[in-house]
Amino acid sequence: MSEFDLIRAFFTDIGPKRADVALGVGDDCALLALPEGQCLAVSIDTLSAGIHFFPDCAPEAIGHKSLAVGLSDLAAMGAAPAWSTLALTLPSADQAWVRAFSAGFAALSKTHGIRLVGGDTTRGPLSVTVQVHGYVPVGAAVRRDGARPGDLVCVSGTLGDAGLALRGLLAGEAVDPALRRRLEYPTPRVELGLRLRGLATAMIDLSDGLAGDLGHILAASGVGAELDLVHLPLSPPVADVVARTGDWSLPLSSGDDYELCFCLPAERAREVRELGAGLDCPIRTVGRIRAKAGLACRLPDGGLYATDGSGYDHFAAGGDAARLIALRDKSRISAATQSLHSQPSAR
């Protein structure tokens, strides 16, 4: 199957029809109309096999996650999703794989009303790049630089589930399906992000861990924060690991949560908790912004937990290398990778 056959078969009609799309997939450029009074919010992410997902990950899950991470960025700005573009690099024109990938991408597109309007397909190591575009009224975007001393620090959902799933998979252990779903099918908090416009003073999505991502808010806002670790929202499996080991790195630094971390004035706390309840998305206050720079993490016994405030970093020493070595040591994954790359060429 040729590149253009793949596009026609699997990518020409993803997402609902939109009046702001004058021309979508199939020409040299898409033609898009930006409504009056709206800013365009744009984000782009690349997911690569062996770094962001296991090579034997279900293609539906890769399709879902490749769009979800961008939708999470839009949510963090309080932007409404509108359009996406997709650059897909494939080892071969495997129709069954592409069909399943497209189904995962399309299902999440439909859920959030975002239309695929263009992209590219190439041959090479498996990699997915998605750019998302959304609307936010002029002056209404929730940025990272608005946190002020006295603001509460809040997070949605639970933290550390995806990190625990990844830890188990790298160790070759059986992983609770619910945890693996949190890793491979993250839920972008789009509606929550929209509803936090005018409430949150600063916001970010948690892709690289609470400590590191909150650190971006602190740096942009010129403030510090203190977290009360006893208040971190943990699922039972993550809470069990923390209780047994005393290691808080799962909820603080493991990444891939794709929840929202945001700040707001203390007097709005009840309003936001009720908002979360109405969206079936629990919200927990986990700390407070302070004037003193830096991030302090207070343990349940009142002591301080040592953290350098960093999250996942692709270029940190040993970061990706350690993950790749672990992946290559798994014979089932090596076999899956070999199988994928040995499919007949499209050209």
C-alpha atoms as a PDB file:
ATOM      1  CA  MET A   1       0.000   0.000   0.000  1.00  0.00           C
ATOM      2  CA  SER A   2       1.425   3.391  -0.990  1.00  0.00           C
ATOM      3  CA  GLU A   3       1.774   6.462   1.232  1.00  0.00           C
ATOM      4  CA  PHE A   4      -1.199   8.118  -0.455  1.00  0.00           C
ATOM      5  CA  ASP A   5      -3.309   4.975  -0.206  1.00  0.00           C
ATOM      6  CA  LEU A   6      -2.634   4.952   3.561  1.00  0.00           C
ATOM      7  CA  ILE A   7      -3.711   8.572   3.862  1.00  0.00           C
ATOM      8  CA  ARG A   8      -6.900   8.046   1.844  1.00  0.00           C
ATOM      9  CA  ALA A   9      -7.797   4.851   3.666  1.00  0.00           C
ATOM     10  CA  PHE A  10      -7.106   5.840   7.263  1.00  0.00           C
ATOM     11  CA  PHE A  11      -6.640   9.601   7.738  1.00  0.00           C
ATOM     12  CA  THR A  12      -8.999  11.601   5.494  1.00  0.00           C
ATOM     13  CA  ASP A  13     -12.002  11.757   7.799  1.00  0.00           C
ATOM     14  CA  ILE A  14     -10.844  11.795  11.415  1.00  0.00           C
ATOM     15  CA  GLY A  15     -12.806  13.942  13.828  1.00  0.00           C
ATOM     16  CA  PRO A  16     -16.119  15.722  13.372  1.00  0.00           C
ATOM     17  CA  LYS A  17     -16.836  18.142  10.525  1.00  0.00           C
ATOM     18  CA  ARG A  18     -16.112  21.731  11.600  1.00  0.00           C
ATOM     19  CA  ALA A  19     -17.267  25.008  10.053  1.00  0.00           C
ATOM     20  CA  ASP A  20     -13.823  26.522  10.728  1.00  0.00           C
ATOM     21  CA  VAL A  21     -12.140  24.000   8.399  1.00  0.00           C
ATOM     22  CA  ALA A  22     -12.433  25.327   4.840  1.00  0.00           C
ATOM     23  CA  LEU A  23     -10.046  22.657   3.531  1.00  0.00           C
ATOM     24  CA  GLY A  24      -8.571  19.725   5.417  1.00  0.00           C
ATOM     25  CA  VAL A  25      -6.564  16.619   4.483  1.00  0.00           C
ATOM     26  CA  GLY A  26      -5.687  16.179   0.812  1.00  0.00           C
ATOM     27  CA  ASP A  27      -4.046  19.395  -0.411  1.00  0.00           C
ATOM     28  CA  ASP A  28      -0.703  21.129   0.112  1.00  0.00           C
ATOM     29  CA  CYS A  29      -2.062  23.096   3.070  1.00  0.00           C
ATOM     30  CA  ALA A  30      -5.151  23.093   5.227  1.00  0.00           C
ATOM     31  CA  LEU A  31      -7.299  26.246   5.170  1.00  0.00           C
ATOM     32  CA  LEU A  32      -8.591  27.166   8.617  1.00  0.00           C
ATOM     33  CA  ALA A  33     -10.644  30.074   9.945  1.00  0.00           C
ATOM     34  CA  LEU A  34      -9.845  31.595  13.351  1.00  0.00           C
ATOM     35  CA  PRO A  35     -12.954  33.077  15.024  1.00  0.00           C
ATOM     36  CA  GLU A  36     -12.887  36.735  15.985  1.00  0.00           C
ATOM     37  CA  GLY A  37     -11.746  37.448  19.531  1.00  0.00           C
ATOM     38  CA  GLN A  38      -9.907  34.141  19.898  1.00  0.00           C
ATOM     39  CA  CYS A  39      -6.192  33.372  20.234  1.00  0.00           C
ATOM     40  CA  LEU A  40      -4.758  30.263  18.619  1.00  0.00           C
ATOM     41  CA  ALA A  41      -3.100  27.881  21.099  1.00  0.00           C
ATOM     42  CA  VAL A  42      -0.595  25.518  19.434  1.00  0.00           C
ATOM     43  CA  SER A  43       1.409  22.598  20.843  1.00  0.00           C
ATOM     44  CA  ILE A  44       3.454  19.813  19.273  1.00  0.00           C
ATOM     45  CA  ASP A  45       4.767  16.532  20.713  1.00  0.00           C
ATOM     46  CA  THR A  46       6.735  13.573  19.353  1.00  0.00           C
ATOM     47  CA  LEU A  47       6.386  10.025  20.680  1.00  0.00           C
ATOM     48  CA  SER A  48       9.135   7.561  19.743  1.00  0.00           C
ATOM     49  CA  ALA A  49       9.194   3.776  20.116  1.00  0.00           C
ATOM     50  CA  GLY A  50      11.398   2.703  23.013  1.00  0.00           C
ATOM     51  CA  ILE A  51      11.226   6.132  24.654  1.00  0.00           C
ATOM     52  CA  HIS A  52       7.546   7.023  25.029  1.00  0.00           C
ATOM     53  CA  PHE A  53       5.990   3.621  24.448  1.00  0.00           C
ATOM     54  CA  PHE A  54       7.076   0.002  24.257  1.00  0.00           C
ATOM     55  CA  PRO A  55       7.528  -1.263  20.697  1.00  0.00           C
ATOM     56  CA  ASP A  56       4.874  -3.947  21.360  1.00  0.00           C
ATOM     57  CA  CYS A  57       2.348  -1.418  22.670  1.00  0.00           C
ATOM     58  CA  ALA A  58      -1.081  -1.805  21.066  1.00  0.00           C
ATOM     59  CA  PRO A  59      -1.353   0.529  18.059  1.00  0.00           C
ATOM     60  CA  GLU A  60      -4.771   1.762  19.287  1.00  0.00           C
ATOM     61  CA  ALA A  61      -3.078   2.908  22.487  1.00  0.00           C
ATOM     62  CA  ILE A  62      -0.314   4.700  20.555  1.00  0.00           C
ATOM     63  CA  GLY A  63      -2.937   6.469  18.451  1.00  0.00           C
ATOM     64  CA  HIS A  64      -4.820   7.512  21.580  1.00  0.00           C
ATOM     65  CA  LYS A  65      -1.768   8.677  23.536  1.00  0.00           C
ATOM     66  CA  SER A  66      -0.191  10.569  20.641  1.00  0.00           C
ATOM     67  CA  LEU A  67      -3.248  12.847  20.572  1.00  0.00           C
ATOM     68  CA  ALA A  68      -3.914  12.803  24.328  1.00  0.00           C
ATOM     69  CA  VAL A  69      -0.592  14.415  25.234  1.00  0.00           C
ATOM     70  CA  GLY A  70      -1.351  17.391  22.987  1.00  0.00           C
ATOM     71  CA  LEU A  71      -4.903  17.690  24.257  1.00  0.00           C
ATOM     72  CA  SER A  72      -3.449  17.785  27.763  1.00  0.00           C
ATOM     73  CA  ASP A  73      -1.319  20.791  26.749  1.00  0.00           C
ATOM     74  CA  LEU A  74      -4.424  22.575  25.448  1.00  0.00           C
ATOM     75  CA  ALA A  75      -6.219  21.758  28.705  1.00  0.00           C
ATOM     76  CA  ALA A  76      -3.362  23.328  30.676  1.00  0.00           C
ATOM     77  CA  MET A  77      -3.930  26.635  28.858  1.00  0.00           C
ATOM     78  CA  GLY A  78      -7.714  26.517  29.125  1.00  0.00           C
ATOM     79  CA  ALA A  79      -7.974  26.146  25.334  1.00  0.00           C
ATOM     80  CA  ALA A  80     -10.779  24.412  23.425  1.00  0.00           C
ATOM     81  CA  PRO A  81      -9.481  21.813  20.914  1.00  0.00           C
ATOM     82  CA  ALA A  82     -10.054  22.576  17.231  1.00  0.00           C
ATOM     83  CA  TRP A  83      -7.589  20.960  14.798  1.00  0.00           C
ATOM     84  CA  SER A  84      -4.696  18.489  14.694  1.00  0.00           C
ATOM     85  CA  THR A  85      -1.961  17.522  12.249  1.00  0.00           C
ATOM     86  CA  LEU A  86      -0.104  14.211  12.249  1.00  0.00           C
ATOM     87  CA  ALA A  87       3.381  13.197  11.064  1.00  0.00           C
ATOM     88  CA  LEU A  88       3.696   9.412  11.175  1.00  0.00           C
ATOM     89  CA  THR A  89       6.975   7.572  10.537  1.00  0.00           C
ATOM     90  CA  LEU A  90       6.543   3.832   9.961  1.00  0.00           C
ATOM     91  CA  PRO A  91       8.979   0.958   9.379  1.00  0.00           C
ATOM     92  CA  SER A  92       6.536  -0.377   6.754  1.00  0.00           C
ATOM     93  CA  ALA A  93       3.030   0.063   5.378  1.00  0.00           C
ATOM     94  CA  ASP A  94       1.441  -2.426   7.777  1.00  0.00           C
ATOM     95  CA  GLN A  95      -2.275  -1.893   7.076  1.00  0.00           C
ATOM     96  CA  ALA A  96      -3.516  -3.708  10.174  1.00  0.00           C
ATOM     97  CA  TRP A  97      -1.241  -1.627  12.418  1.00  0.00           C
ATOM     98  CA  VAL A  98      -2.189   1.673  10.760  1.00  0.00           C
ATOM     99  CA  ARG A  99      -5.897   0.808  10.860  1.00  0.00           C
ATOM    100  CA  ALA A 100      -5.732   0.181  14.602  1.00  0.00           C
ATOM    101  CA  PHE A 101      -3.613   3.301  15.222  1.00  0.00           C
ATOM    102  CA  SER A 102      -6.090   5.377  13.234  1.00  0.00           C
ATOM    103  CA  ALA A 103      -9.005   3.960  15.246  1.00  0.00           C
ATOM    104  CA  GLY A 104      -7.403   4.997  18.546  1.00  0.00           C
ATOM    105  CA  PHE A 105      -6.591   8.463  17.212  1.00  0.00           C
ATOM    106  CA  ALA A 106     -10.071   8.877  15.733  1.00  0.00           C
ATOM    107  CA  ALA A 107     -11.942   7.804  18.868  1.00  0.00           C
ATOM    108  CA  LEU A 108     -10.245  10.456  21.005  1.00  0.00           C
ATOM    109  CA  SER A 109     -10.650  13.030  18.222  1.00  0.00           C
ATOM    110  CA  LYS A 110     -14.398  12.429  18.243  1.00  0.00           C
ATOM    111  CA  THR A 111     -14.583  12.675  22.036  1.00  0.00           C
ATOM    112  CA  HIS A 112     -13.035  16.144  22.020  1.00  0.00           C
ATOM    113  CA  GLY A 113     -14.343  17.488  18.719  1.00  0.00           C
ATOM    114  CA  ILE A 114     -10.912  17.942  17.155  1.00  0.00           C
ATOM    115  CA  ARG A 115     -10.466  17.553  13.399  1.00  0.00           C
ATOM    116  CA  LEU A 116      -7.376  16.088  11.689  1.00  0.00           C
ATOM    117  CA  VAL A 117      -6.569  18.608   8.933  1.00  0.00           C
ATOM    118  CA  GLY A 118      -3.202  17.460   7.544  1.00  0.00           C
ATOM    119  CA  GLY A 119       0.139  15.785   8.108  1.00  0.00           C
ATOM    120  CA  ASP A 120       2.759  13.554   6.558  1.00  0.00           C
ATOM    121  CA  THR A 121       3.752   9.892   6.395  1.00  0.00           C
ATOM    122  CA  THR A 122       7.341   8.687   5.978  1.00  0.00           C
ATOM    123  CA  ARG A 123       9.324   5.473   6.250  1.00  0.00           C
ATOM    124  CA  GLY A 124      11.731   4.988   9.146  1.00  0.00           C
ATOM    125  CA  PRO A 125      11.858   4.004  12.842  1.00  0.00           C
ATOM    126  CA  LEU A 126       8.415   4.147  14.448  1.00  0.00           C
ATOM    127  CA  SER A 127       7.684   7.708  15.570  1.00  0.00           C
ATOM    128  CA  VAL A 128       4.542   9.855  15.879  1.00  0.00           C
ATOM    129  CA  THR A 129       4.417  13.659  15.906  1.00  0.00           C
ATOM    130  CA  VAL A 130       1.110  15.422  16.557  1.00  0.00           C
ATOM    131  CA  GLN A 131       0.448  19.136  16.526  1.00  0.00           C
ATOM    132  CA  VAL A 132      -2.764  20.361  18.155  1.00  0.00           C
ATOM    133  CA  HIS A 133      -4.491  23.715  17.754  1.00  0.00           C
ATOM    134  CA  GLY A 134      -7.152  25.203  19.985  1.00  0.00           C
ATOM    135  CA  TYR A 135      -9.022  28.389  20.764  1.00  0.00           C
ATOM    136  CA  VAL A 136      -8.852  30.529  23.867  1.00  0.00           C
ATOM    137  CA  PRO A 137     -10.465  33.970  24.217  1.00  0.00           C
ATOM    138  CA  VAL A 138      -8.002  36.855  24.053  1.00  0.00           C
ATOM    139  CA  GLY A 139      -6.587  37.430  27.534  1.00  0.00           C
ATOM    140  CA  ALA A 140      -8.195  34.290  29.031  1.00  0.00           C
ATOM    141  CA  ALA A 141      -5.401  31.720  28.663  1.00  0.00           C
ATOM    142  CA  VAL A 142      -4.146  30.247  31.959  1.00  0.00           C
ATOM    143  CA  ARG A 143      -0.381  30.666  31.869  1.00  0.00           C
ATOM    144  CA  ARG A 144       2.437  29.446  34.101  1.00  0.00           C
ATOM    145  CA  ASP A 145       3.445  32.891  35.340  1.00  0.00           C
ATOM    146  CA  GLY A 146       0.410  33.891  37.420  1.00  0.00           C
ATOM    147  CA  ALA A 147       0.989  32.101  40.759  1.00  0.00           C
ATOM    148  CA  ARG A 148       1.143  34.380  43.805  1.00  0.00           C
ATOM    149  CA  PRO A 149       2.154  33.820  47.457  1.00  0.00           C
ATOM    150  CA  GLY A 150      -0.795  32.417  49.394  1.00  0.00           C
ATOM    151  CA  ASP A 151      -2.290  30.596  46.398  1.00  0.00           C
ATOM    152  CA  LEU A 152      -3.186  26.955  46.883  1.00  0.00           C
ATOM    153  CA  VAL A 153      -1.506  24.259  44.769  1.00  0.00           C
ATOM    154  CA  CYS A 154      -4.044  21.713  43.468  1.00  0.00           C
ATOM    155  CA  VAL A 155      -3.897  18.608  41.293  1.00  0.00           C
ATOM    156  CA  SER A 156      -6.517  16.542  39.521  1.00  0.00           C
ATOM    157  CA  GLY A 157      -6.860  12.753  39.567  1.00  0.00           C
ATOM    158  CA  THR A 158      -4.152  10.557  41.081  1.00  0.00           C
ATOM    159  CA  LEU A 159      -0.379  10.645  40.710  1.00  0.00           C
ATOM    160  CA  GLY A 160       2.186   7.938  40.037  1.00  0.00           C
ATOM    161  CA  ASP A 161      -0.016   5.270  38.428  1.00  0.00           C
ATOM    162  CA  ALA A 162       1.651   5.470  35.008  1.00  0.00           C
ATOM    163  CA  GLY A 163       5.080   5.509  36.623  1.00  0.00           C
ATOM    164  CA  LEU A 164       4.278   2.379  38.616  1.00  0.00           C
ATOM    165  CA  ALA A 165       3.057   0.627  35.458  1.00  0.00           C
ATOM    166  CA  LEU A 166       6.249   1.578  33.616  1.00  0.00           C
ATOM    167  CA  ARG A 167       8.374   0.386  36.516  1.00  0.00           C
ATOM    168  CA  GLY A 168       6.660  -3.008  36.433  1.00  0.00           C
ATOM    169  CA  LEU A 169       6.890  -3.375  32.657  1.00  0.00           C
ATOM    170  CA  LEU A 170      10.598  -2.543  32.640  1.00  0.00           C
ATOM    171  CA  ALA A 171      11.112  -5.173  35.345  1.00  0.00           C
ATOM    172  CA  GLY A 172       9.237  -7.781  33.286  1.00  0.00           C
ATOM    173  CA  GLU A 173       6.517  -8.100  35.926  1.00  0.00           C
ATOM    174  CA  ALA A 174       2.759  -8.578  35.519  1.00  0.00           C
ATOM    175  CA  VAL A 175       1.106  -5.154  35.677  1.00  0.00           C
ATOM    176  CA  ASP A 176      -2.399  -4.358  36.891  1.00  0.00           C
ATOM    177  CA  PRO A 177      -4.432  -3.624  33.695  1.00  0.00           C
ATOM    178  CA  ALA A 178      -5.856  -0.472  35.308  1.00  0.00           C
ATOM    179  CA  LEU A 179      -2.350   0.869  35.901  1.00  0.00           C
ATOM    180  CA  ARG A 180      -1.214  -0.016  32.390  1.00  0.00           C
ATOM    181  CA  ARG A 181      -4.248   1.786  31.006  1.00  0.00           C
ATOM    182  CA  ARG A 182      -3.201   4.901  32.922  1.00  0.00           C
ATOM    183  CA  LEU A 183       0.170   4.690  31.150  1.00  0.00           C
ATOM    184  CA  GLU A 184      -1.068   3.917  27.642  1.00  0.00           C
ATOM    185  CA  TYR A 185      -4.493   5.615  27.575  1.00  0.00           C
ATOM    186  CA  PRO A 186      -4.088   8.860  29.574  1.00  0.00           C
ATOM    187  CA  THR A 187      -7.175  11.035  30.052  1.00  0.00           C
ATOM    188  CA  PRO A 188      -6.600  14.650  28.990  1.00  0.00           C
ATOM    189  CA  ARG A 189      -8.505  16.949  31.387  1.00  0.00           C
ATOM    190  CA  VAL A 190      -9.860  19.183  28.625  1.00  0.00           C
ATOM    191  CA  GLU A 191     -13.185  20.131  30.211  1.00  0.00           C
ATOM    192  CA  LEU A 192     -11.562  20.823  33.568  1.00  0.00           C
ATOM    193  CA  GLY A 193      -9.029  23.106  31.895  1.00  0.00           C
ATOM    194  CA  LEU A 194     -11.823  25.058  30.194  1.00  0.00           C
ATOM    195  CA  ARG A 195     -13.725  25.439  33.452  1.00  0.00           C
ATOM    196  CA  LEU A 196     -10.630  26.679  35.293  1.00  0.00           C
ATOM    197  CA  ARG A 197     -10.374  29.776  33.103  1.00  0.00           C
ATOM    198  CA  GLY A 198     -10.959  32.718  35.403  1.00  0.00           C
ATOM    199  CA  LEU A 199     -10.332  30.574  38.514  1.00  0.00           C
ATOM    200  CA  ALA A 200      -6.772  29.288  38.238  1.00  0.00           C
ATOM    201  CA  THR A 201      -3.920  31.797  38.467  1.00  0.00           C
ATOM    202  CA  ALA A 202      -1.387  29.412  36.880  1.00  0.00           C
ATOM    203  CA  MET A 203      -1.588  25.901  35.401  1.00  0.00           C
ATOM    204  CA  ILE A 204       0.492  23.147  33.806  1.00  0.00           C
ATOM    205  CA  ASP A 205      -0.127  19.550  32.780  1.00  0.00           C
ATOM    206  CA  LEU A 206       1.828  16.831  34.555  1.00  0.00           C
ATOM    207  CA  SER A 207       3.830  15.090  31.852  1.00  0.00           C
ATOM    208  CA  ASP A 208       7.219  14.908  33.599  1.00  0.00           C
ATOM    209  CA  GLY A 209       6.221  14.609  37.265  1.00  0.00           C
ATOM    210  CA  LEU A 210       4.714  16.965  39.854  1.00  0.00           C
ATOM    211  CA  ALA A 211       8.030  18.210  41.252  1.00  0.00           C
ATOM    212  CA  GLY A 212       9.491  19.129  37.885  1.00  0.00           C
ATOM    213  CA  ASP A 213       6.334  20.511  36.301  1.00  0.00           C
ATOM    214  CA  LEU A 214       5.337  22.576  39.348  1.00  0.00           C
ATOM    215  CA  GLY A 215       8.912  23.859  39.242  1.00  0.00           C
ATOM    216  CA  HIS A 216       8.148  25.416  35.844  1.00  0.00           C
ATOM    217  CA  ILE A 217       5.258  27.360  37.398  1.00  0.00           C
ATOM    218  CA  LEU A 218       7.481  28.497  40.278  1.00  0.00           C
ATOM    219  CA  ALA A 219      10.236  29.664  37.921  1.00  0.00           C
ATOM    220  CA  ALA A 220       7.837  31.487  35.599  1.00  0.00           C
ATOM    221  CA  SER A 221       5.992  33.139  38.508  1.00  0.00           C
ATOM    222  CA  GLY A 222       9.073  34.011  40.576  1.00  0.00           C
ATOM    223  CA  VAL A 223       7.774  32.197  43.678  1.00  0.00           C
ATOM    224  CA  GLY A 224       8.311  29.015  45.690  1.00  0.00           C
ATOM    225  CA  ALA A 225       5.997  26.368  47.117  1.00  0.00           C
ATOM    226  CA  GLU A 226       5.592  23.890  49.946  1.00  0.00           C
ATOM    227  CA  LEU A 227       3.900  20.565  49.274  1.00  0.00           C
ATOM    228  CA  ASP A 228       2.290  18.435  51.978  1.00  0.00           C
ATOM    229  CA  LEU A 229       3.054  14.915  50.750  1.00  0.00           C
ATOM    230  CA  VAL A 230       0.384  13.406  52.998  1.00  0.00           C
ATOM    231  CA  HIS A 231      -2.201  15.157  50.803  1.00  0.00           C
ATOM    232  CA  LEU A 232      -0.944  13.842  47.445  1.00  0.00           C
ATOM    233  CA  PRO A 233      -3.762  11.889  45.735  1.00  0.00           C
ATOM    234  CA  LEU A 234      -2.520   8.305  45.445  1.00  0.00           C
ATOM    235  CA  SER A 235      -4.233   5.188  44.167  1.00  0.00           C
ATOM    236  CA  PRO A 236      -4.012   2.161  46.505  1.00  0.00           C
ATOM    237  CA  PRO A 237      -1.133   0.502  44.556  1.00  0.00           C
ATOM    238  CA  VAL A 238       0.988   3.679  44.602  1.00  0.00           C
ATOM    239  CA  ALA A 239       0.132   4.374  48.252  1.00  0.00           C
ATOM    240  CA  ASP A 240       1.264   0.836  49.089  1.00  0.00           C
ATOM    241  CA  VAL A 241       4.652   1.339  47.404  1.00  0.00           C
ATOM    242  CA  VAL A 242       5.171   4.642  49.220  1.00  0.00           C
ATOM    243  CA  ALA A 243       4.169   3.124  52.575  1.00  0.00           C
ATOM    244  CA  ARG A 244       6.513   0.132  52.146  1.00  0.00           C
ATOM    245  CA  THR A 245       9.531   1.974  50.799  1.00  0.00           C
ATOM    246  CA  GLY A 246       9.233   5.579  51.959  1.00  0.00           C
ATOM    247  CA  ASP A 247      10.037   6.510  48.344  1.00  0.00           C
ATOM    248  CA  TRP A 248       7.867   9.388  47.082  1.00  0.00           C
ATOM    249  CA  SER A 249       9.486   9.497  43.647  1.00  0.00           C
ATOM    250  CA  LEU A 250       6.518   7.790  41.954  1.00  0.00           C
ATOM    251  CA  PRO A 251       4.009  10.594  42.613  1.00  0.00           C
ATOM    252  CA  LEU A 252       6.634  13.361  42.514  1.00  0.00           C
ATOM    253  CA  SER A 253       8.877  12.528  39.560  1.00  0.00           C
ATOM    254  CA  SER A 254       7.806   9.554  37.448  1.00  0.00           C
ATOM    255  CA  GLY A 255       5.750  11.466  34.863  1.00  0.00           C
ATOM    256  CA  ASP A 256       3.122  10.396  32.314  1.00  0.00           C
ATOM    257  CA  ASP A 257       0.243  11.321  34.661  1.00  0.00           C
ATOM    258  CA  TYR A 258      -1.264  13.961  32.297  1.00  0.00           C
ATOM    259  CA  GLU A 259      -3.248  15.429  35.167  1.00  0.00           C
ATOM    260  CA  LEU A 260      -3.491  19.175  35.741  1.00  0.00           C
ATOM    261  CA  CYS A 261      -1.574  21.046  38.414  1.00  0.00           C
ATOM    262  CA  PHE A 262      -2.901  24.539  39.063  1.00  0.00           C
ATOM    263  CA  CYS A 263      -2.820  27.378  41.567  1.00  0.00           C
ATOM    264  CA  LEU A 264      -5.735  29.453  42.810  1.00  0.00           C
ATOM    265  CA  PRO A 265      -6.662  31.860  45.609  1.00  0.00           C
ATOM    266  CA  ALA A 266      -7.591  30.065  48.835  1.00  0.00           C
ATOM    267  CA  GLU A 267     -11.106  31.530  48.828  1.00  0.00           C
ATOM    268  CA  ARG A 268     -11.897  29.672  45.582  1.00  0.00           C
ATOM    269  CA  ALA A 269     -11.003  26.211  46.952  1.00  0.00           C
ATOM    270  CA  ARG A 270     -14.545  25.048  47.684  1.00  0.00           C
ATOM    271  CA  GLU A 271     -15.745  26.238  44.282  1.00  0.00           C
ATOM    272  CA  VAL A 272     -13.033  24.231  42.539  1.00  0.00           C
ATOM    273  CA  ARG A 273     -13.695  21.085  44.595  1.00  0.00           C
ATOM    274  CA  GLU A 274     -17.361  21.274  43.597  1.00  0.00           C
ATOM    275  CA  LEU A 275     -16.312  21.780  39.989  1.00  0.00           C
ATOM    276  CA  GLY A 276     -14.209  18.615  40.115  1.00  0.00           C
ATOM    277  CA  ALA A 277     -17.064  16.644  41.683  1.00  0.00           C
ATOM    278  CA  GLY A 278     -19.392  17.763  38.898  1.00  0.00           C
ATOM    279  CA  LEU A 279     -16.914  16.546  36.275  1.00  0.00           C
ATOM    280  CA  ASP A 280     -16.231  13.267  38.127  1.00  0.00           C
ATOM    281  CA  CYS A 281     -12.617  14.416  38.381  1.00  0.00           C
ATOM    282  CA  PRO A 282     -11.423  14.626  41.998  1.00  0.00           C
ATOM    283  CA  ILE A 283      -9.295  17.650  42.863  1.00  0.00           C
ATOM    284  CA  ARG A 284      -6.938  17.729  45.832  1.00  0.00           C
ATOM    285  CA  THR A 285      -5.158  20.670  47.471  1.00  0.00           C
ATOM    286  CA  VAL A 286      -1.552  19.524  47.958  1.00  0.00           C
ATOM    287  CA  GLY A 287       0.310  22.649  49.012  1.00  0.00           C
ATOM    288  CA  ARG A 288       0.657  26.404  48.987  1.00  0.00           C
ATOM    289  CA  ILE A 289       2.633  28.999  47.053  1.00  0.00           C
ATOM    290  CA  ARG A 290       5.127  30.999  49.112  1.00  0.00           C
ATOM    291  CA  ALA A 291       7.368  33.968  48.419  1.00  0.00           C
ATOM    292  CA  LYS A 292      10.596  32.090  49.247  1.00  0.00           C
ATOM    293  CA  ALA A 293      12.071  30.451  46.168  1.00  0.00           C
ATOM    294  CA  GLY A 294      12.363  26.692  45.836  1.00  0.00           C
ATOM    295  CA  LEU A 295      10.167  23.654  46.405  1.00  0.00           C
ATOM    296  CA  ALA A 296       9.869  22.130  49.895  1.00  0.00           C
ATOM    297  CA  CYS A 297       8.188  18.744  50.282  1.00  0.00           C
ATOM    298  CA  ARG A 298       6.854  18.119  53.791  1.00  0.00           C
ATOM    299  CA  LEU A 299       6.664  14.476  54.928  1.00  0.00           C
ATOM    300  CA  PRO A 300       3.709  13.174  56.982  1.00  0.00           C
ATOM    301  CA  ASP A 301       5.914  13.248  60.123  1.00  0.00           C
ATOM    302  CA  GLY A 302       6.768  16.902  59.545  1.00  0.00           C
ATOM    303  CA  GLY A 303      10.257  16.338  58.151  1.00  0.00           C
ATOM    304  CA  LEU A 304      11.413  17.350  54.694  1.00  0.00           C
ATOM    305  CA  TYR A 305      11.696  14.944  51.773  1.00  0.00           C
ATOM    306  CA  ALA A 306      14.813  15.573  49.691  1.00  0.00           C
ATOM    307  CA  THR A 307      14.047  16.224  46.018  1.00  0.00           C
ATOM    308  CA  ASP A 308      15.964  18.189  43.430  1.00  0.00           C
ATOM    309  CA  GLY A 309      12.668  19.314  41.901  1.00  0.00           C
ATOM    310  CA  SER A 310      13.441  17.708  38.560  1.00  0.00           C
ATOM    311  CA  GLY A 311      11.212  15.560  36.390  1.00  0.00           C
ATOM    312  CA  TYR A 312      11.921  13.271  33.447  1.00  0.00           C
ATOM    313  CA  ASP A 313      14.607  14.697  31.130  1.00  0.00           C
ATOM    314  CA  HIS A 314      15.410  13.136  27.741  1.00  0.00           C
ATOM    315  CA  PHE A 315      18.974  14.447  27.812  1.00  0.00           C
ATOM    316  CA  ALA A 316      19.852  13.785  31.455  1.00  0.00           C
ATOM    317  CA  ALA A 317      22.781  11.395  31.895  1.00  0.00           C
ATOM    318  CA  GLY A 318      21.528   7.844  31.641  1.00  0.00           C
ATOM    319  CA  GLY A 319      17.903   8.910  31.168  1.00  0.00           C
ATOM    320  CA  ASP A 320      16.899   7.473  27.818  1.00  0.00           C
ATOM    321  CA  ALA A 321      19.876   5.111  27.727  1.00  0.00           C
ATOM    322  CA  ALA A 322      18.714   3.319  30.860  1.00  0.00           C
ATOM    323  CA  ARG A 323      15.210   2.952  29.471  1.00  0.00           C
ATOM    324  CA  LEU A 324      16.465   1.665  26.119  1.00  0.00           C
ATOM    325  CA  ILE A 325      18.800  -0.857  27.725  1.00  0.00           C
ATOM    326  CA  ALA A 326      15.935  -2.156  29.823  1.00  0.00           C
ATOM    327  CA  LEU A 327      13.701  -2.384  26.770  1.00  0.00           C
ATOM    328  CA  ARG A 328      16.303  -4.224  24.711  1.00  0.00           C
ATOM    329  CA  ASP A 329      16.772  -6.751  27.510  1.00  0.00           C
ATOM    330  CA  LYS A 330      13.165  -7.865  27.146  1.00  0.00           C
ATOM    331  CA  SER A 331      13.200 -10.646  24.555  1.00  0.00           C
ATOM    332  CA  ARG A 332       9.470 -10.313  23.855  1.00  0.00           C
ATOM    333  CA  ILE A 333       9.929  -6.643  22.994  1.00  0.00           C
ATOM    334  CA  SER A 334      12.982  -7.308  20.869  1.00  0.00           C
ATOM    335  CA  ALA A 335      10.987  -9.939  18.994  1.00  0.00           C
ATOM    336  CA  ALA A 336       8.105  -7.545  18.496  1.00  0.00           C
ATOM    337  CA  THR A 337      10.444  -4.845  17.192  1.00  0.00           C
ATOM    338  CA  GLN A 338      12.102  -7.268  14.782  1.00  0.00           C
ATOM    339  CA  SER A 339       8.714  -8.410  13.517  1.00  0.00           C
ATOM    340  CA  LEU A 340       7.579  -4.835  12.934  1.00  0.00           C
ATOM    341  CA  HIS A 341      10.708  -3.887  11.008  1.00  0.00           C
ATOM    342  CA  SER A 342      10.605  -7.035   8.864  1.00  0.00           C
ATOM    343  CA  GLN A 343       7.203  -6.276   7.340  1.00  0.00           C
ATOM    344  CA  PRO A 344       7.255  -5.926   3.524  1.00  0.00           C
ATOM    345  CA  SER A 345       8.332  -2.493   2.304  1.00  0.00           C
ATOM    346  CA  ALA A 346       5.750  -0.081   0.852  1.00  0.00           C
ATOM    347  CA  ARG A 347       8.145   1.006  -1.863  1.00  0.00           C
END
